[in-house]
Amino acid sequence: MESDEQYIWGAGAIAKALGLTRPQAFHMLSAGRLPARKIGKKWVSTKKALHEALTPIAAAPSPIDAIAEKSGR
């Protein structure tokens, strides 16, 4: 099994894996903004799923870049 396929258990561990605070991760988990399931009282996900979910956010061009590109700057 690859390291990305390992399960991460708990909001604290998920926060640490993503470089977030525990409250930030808990809020994102509760709002459904991170790919995870609640099993009993613990959140669980995989490293791969978490990083894939956040990659489009980091890789997406900003609206300012799109405007500058259209104006030829």
C-alpha atoms as a PDB file:
ATOM      1  CA  MET A   1       0.000   0.000   0.000  1.00  0.00           C
ATOM      2  CA  GLU A   2       1.354   3.437  -0.936  1.00  0.00           C
ATOM      3  CA  SER A   3       1.814   6.031   1.795  1.00  0.00           C
ATOM      4  CA  ASP A   4      -0.884   8.221   0.162  1.00  0.00           C
ATOM      5  CA  GLU A   5      -3.417   5.418   0.674  1.00  0.00           C
ATOM      6  CA  GLN A   6      -2.929   5.290   4.434  1.00  0.00           C
ATOM      7  CA  TYR A   7      -5.899   6.276   6.522  1.00  0.00           C
ATOM      8  CA  ILE A   8      -5.691   9.395   8.657  1.00  0.00           C
ATOM      9  CA  TRP A   9      -7.859   9.210  11.758  1.00  0.00           C
ATOM     10  CA  GLY A  10      -9.150  12.230  13.666  1.00  0.00           C
ATOM     11  CA  ALA A  11      -9.506  15.943  12.988  1.00  0.00           C
ATOM     12  CA  GLY A  12      -6.180  16.652  14.703  1.00  0.00           C
ATOM     13  CA  ALA A  13      -4.256  14.241  12.486  1.00  0.00           C
ATOM     14  CA  ILE A  14      -6.026  15.539   9.375  1.00  0.00           C
ATOM     15  CA  ALA A  15      -5.163  19.099  10.404  1.00  0.00           C
ATOM     16  CA  LYS A  16      -1.510  18.153  10.880  1.00  0.00           C
ATOM     17  CA  ALA A  17      -1.361  16.418   7.481  1.00  0.00           C
ATOM     18  CA  LEU A  18      -2.723  19.559   5.778  1.00  0.00           C
ATOM     19  CA  GLY A  19      -0.872  22.172   7.814  1.00  0.00           C
ATOM     20  CA  LEU A  20      -4.086  23.506   9.358  1.00  0.00           C
ATOM     21  CA  THR A  21      -5.113  24.141  12.930  1.00  0.00           C
ATOM     22  CA  ARG A  22      -7.459  21.585  14.478  1.00  0.00           C
ATOM     23  CA  PRO A  23     -10.380  24.086  14.547  1.00  0.00           C
ATOM     24  CA  GLN A  24      -9.815  24.946  10.868  1.00  0.00           C
ATOM     25  CA  ALA A  25      -9.807  21.272   9.887  1.00  0.00           C
ATOM     26  CA  PHE A  26     -12.842  20.522  12.058  1.00  0.00           C
ATOM     27  CA  HIS A  27     -14.776  23.379  10.461  1.00  0.00           C
ATOM     28  CA  MET A  28     -13.866  22.227   6.945  1.00  0.00           C
ATOM     29  CA  LEU A  29     -14.760  18.623   7.805  1.00  0.00           C
ATOM     30  CA  SER A  30     -18.104  19.588   9.357  1.00  0.00           C
ATOM     31  CA  ALA A  31     -18.946  21.782   6.357  1.00  0.00           C
ATOM     32  CA  GLY A  32     -18.169  18.936   3.940  1.00  0.00           C
ATOM     33  CA  ARG A  33     -15.273  20.815   2.332  1.00  0.00           C
ATOM     34  CA  LEU A  34     -12.834  17.938   2.869  1.00  0.00           C
ATOM     35  CA  PRO A  35     -13.288  14.365   1.619  1.00  0.00           C
ATOM     36  CA  ALA A  36     -13.762  12.454   4.855  1.00  0.00           C
ATOM     37  CA  ARG A  37     -16.307  10.319   6.664  1.00  0.00           C
ATOM     38  CA  LYS A  38     -17.228  10.247  10.281  1.00  0.00           C
ATOM     39  CA  ILE A  39     -16.882   6.803  11.821  1.00  0.00           C
ATOM     40  CA  GLY A  40     -18.210   6.850  15.331  1.00  0.00           C
ATOM     41  CA  LYS A  41     -16.842  10.057  16.803  1.00  0.00           C
ATOM     42  CA  LYS A  42     -13.745  10.240  14.564  1.00  0.00           C
ATOM     43  CA  TRP A  43     -13.195  11.704  11.131  1.00  0.00           C
ATOM     44  CA  VAL A  44     -11.279   9.489   8.695  1.00  0.00           C
ATOM     45  CA  SER A  45      -9.811  10.105   5.255  1.00  0.00           C
ATOM     46  CA  THR A  46      -6.729   9.252   3.214  1.00  0.00           C
ATOM     47  CA  LYS A  47      -3.734  11.443   2.522  1.00  0.00           C
ATOM     48  CA  LYS A  48      -4.311  11.053  -1.196  1.00  0.00           C
ATOM     49  CA  ALA A  49      -7.964  12.134  -1.060  1.00  0.00           C
ATOM     50  CA  LEU A  50      -7.178  15.149   1.117  1.00  0.00           C
ATOM     51  CA  HIS A  51      -4.324  16.376  -1.055  1.00  0.00           C
ATOM     52  CA  GLU A  52      -6.282  15.803  -4.279  1.00  0.00           C
ATOM     53  CA  ALA A  53      -9.168  17.830  -2.857  1.00  0.00           C
ATOM     54  CA  LEU A  54      -6.910  20.771  -2.034  1.00  0.00           C
ATOM     55  CA  THR A  55      -4.747  20.686  -5.176  1.00  0.00           C
ATOM     56  CA  PRO A  56      -7.348  22.336  -7.464  1.00  0.00           C
ATOM     57  CA  ILE A  57      -7.666  25.205  -4.990  1.00  0.00           C
ATOM     58  CA  ALA A  58      -3.922  25.829  -4.961  1.00  0.00           C
ATOM     59  CA  ALA A  59      -3.485  25.297  -8.710  1.00  0.00           C
ATOM     60  CA  ALA A  60      -6.420  27.398  -9.887  1.00  0.00           C
ATOM     61  CA  PRO A  61      -5.488  30.715 -11.498  1.00  0.00           C
ATOM     62  CA  SER A  62      -6.703  33.760  -9.658  1.00  0.00           C
ATOM     63  CA  PRO A  63      -9.328  36.020 -11.273  1.00  0.00           C
ATOM     64  CA  ILE A  64      -6.752  38.811 -11.314  1.00  0.00           C
ATOM     65  CA  ASP A  65      -4.395  36.661 -13.408  1.00  0.00           C
ATOM     66  CA  ALA A  66      -7.218  35.956 -15.882  1.00  0.00           C
ATOM     67  CA  ILE A  67      -7.994  39.682 -16.234  1.00  0.00           C
ATOM     68  CA  ALA A  68      -4.316  40.547 -16.711  1.00  0.00           C
ATOM     69  CA  GLU A  69      -3.987  37.808 -19.331  1.00  0.00           C
ATOM     70  CA  LYS A  70      -6.992  39.130 -21.289  1.00  0.00           C
ATOM     71  CA  SER A  71      -5.645  42.667 -21.201  1.00  0.00           C
ATOM     72  CA  GLY A  72      -2.248  41.503 -22.477  1.00  0.00           C
ATOM     73  CA  ARG A  73      -0.252  42.392 -19.392  1.00  0.00           C
END
